Protein backbone atom coordinates (compact mmCIF):
# COMPACT_ATOMS: atom_id res chain seq x y z
CA MET A 1 9.87 -72.70 -13.33
CA ALA A 2 12.41 -72.35 -10.54
CA LEU A 3 11.48 -73.19 -6.97
CA VAL A 4 13.05 -70.97 -4.34
CA GLN A 5 13.01 -71.36 -0.59
CA LYS A 6 11.27 -68.28 0.79
CA LYS A 7 13.47 -68.15 3.89
CA THR A 8 16.57 -68.12 1.67
CA LEU A 9 15.73 -65.34 -0.78
CA ASN A 10 12.81 -63.67 0.96
CA GLU A 11 11.00 -63.42 -2.38
CA LEU A 12 8.99 -66.39 -3.55
CA ALA A 13 7.13 -69.07 -1.68
CA THR A 14 7.08 -72.67 -2.82
CA ASN A 15 5.13 -75.74 -1.92
CA ALA A 16 8.38 -77.72 -1.85
CA SER A 17 9.22 -79.36 1.42
CA ASP A 18 11.57 -77.53 3.78
CA ASP A 19 13.06 -80.98 4.42
CA PHE A 20 14.59 -80.99 0.94
CA PHE A 21 16.11 -77.52 1.31
CA GLY A 22 17.62 -78.65 4.61
CA GLN A 23 19.55 -81.51 3.02
CA ARG A 24 23.31 -81.40 2.43
CA PHE A 25 25.30 -83.24 -0.24
CA SER A 26 29.01 -83.99 -0.66
CA ALA A 27 31.16 -84.07 -3.78
CA GLY A 28 30.42 -87.27 -5.66
CA ASP A 29 26.87 -87.66 -4.29
CA GLU A 30 24.12 -88.15 -6.87
CA VAL A 31 22.21 -84.97 -7.76
CA PRO A 32 18.54 -85.44 -6.73
CA ASN A 33 17.15 -82.35 -8.52
CA SER A 34 18.54 -79.97 -11.12
CA GLY A 35 19.24 -76.47 -9.85
CA ILE A 36 21.68 -74.21 -8.07
CA TYR A 37 23.43 -75.47 -4.97
CA LYS A 38 25.61 -73.44 -2.60
CA CYS A 39 28.59 -74.64 -0.55
CA THR A 40 27.82 -74.16 3.14
CA LYS A 41 31.51 -73.60 3.89
CA CYS A 42 32.62 -71.03 1.28
CA ASN A 43 29.34 -69.93 -0.44
CA ARG A 44 30.48 -71.00 -3.93
CA GLU A 45 27.47 -71.73 -6.14
CA VAL A 46 27.23 -74.44 -8.79
CA THR A 47 24.54 -75.41 -11.24
CA VAL A 48 23.99 -79.13 -11.57
CA ASN A 49 21.60 -81.32 -13.52
CA ALA A 50 19.87 -84.51 -12.49
CA HIS A 51 20.15 -86.76 -15.53
CA SER A 52 21.23 -90.29 -16.33
CA ARG A 53 24.89 -89.47 -17.09
CA ASP A 54 27.42 -87.65 -14.94
CA ASN A 55 24.89 -86.46 -12.38
CA THR A 56 27.11 -86.07 -9.34
CA PHE A 57 28.05 -83.04 -7.27
CA PRO A 58 31.46 -81.60 -8.19
CA PRO A 59 34.47 -81.07 -5.96
CA HIS A 60 35.95 -77.60 -5.66
CA TYR A 61 38.69 -76.49 -8.00
CA PRO A 62 42.22 -77.48 -6.88
CA GLU A 63 43.15 -73.86 -6.10
CA SER A 64 40.16 -73.40 -3.77
CA SER A 65 40.88 -73.21 -0.06
CA CYS A 66 37.65 -75.16 0.59
CA LYS A 67 38.64 -78.78 0.01
CA SER A 68 35.48 -80.66 1.03
CA PRO A 69 32.33 -78.87 -0.19
CA THR A 70 28.97 -79.45 1.40
CA TRP A 71 26.32 -78.54 -1.17
CA LYS A 72 22.96 -77.15 0.01
CA PRO A 73 19.94 -76.68 -2.30
CA TYR A 74 19.47 -72.99 -3.12
CA VAL A 75 17.26 -72.88 -6.24
CA ILE A 76 15.62 -75.98 -7.68
CA ALA A 77 14.60 -76.26 -11.32
CA ASP A 78 11.29 -78.06 -11.71
CA THR A 79 12.32 -80.03 -14.80
CA LYS A 80 9.95 -82.92 -14.09
CA ALA A 81 6.94 -80.93 -12.79
CA GLU A 82 6.83 -83.05 -9.65
CA TRP A 83 6.66 -80.33 -7.02
């Protein structure tokens, strides 16, 4: 089940805290929850997984004009059924 912030997509409500969807993460930060994150500077979307190996946010590709992404939660995958 995917959790979506209602204000973001205007479709589904969730009982997830708005505080989480308000957080921002930088490249190299540990991924707190699997899902889709969007760069607040250029709107690029990435899917990332929270797991024990290689669970950090990626940088942008070298050819991107956005050099320091700030990743914002967009869609969270409830892989642990904790929400």
